[in-house]
Amino acid sequence: MALERVEVPITGKILAVNVGVGDKVKEGDVLCIIESMKMENPILAPLDGKVQEVGAQVGKVMQSGELVAVIDY
């Protein structure tokens, strides 16, 4: 089993978290939505797998490089 860390590419506020621990995701599924510079940006799953950890929380301001989720594939 390998783990893929999905990190925030831009600084912003988390508006929605669409996954939880144990959820299965497909490549391209929206993990969360982050607002940055008054634009909503989806953070997508880079591959198929199962969510092992979620670091994003609604309302949290995250900096570039912080953990959104860990996906086991």
Foldseek 3Di string as FASTA:
>chain_A
DDKDWFWAQAWFAWAFADDDAFDWDAFFDFGTWGADPNDIDTRTDRHTFGWHDADHDHGDTDHTGDTGTMGDD
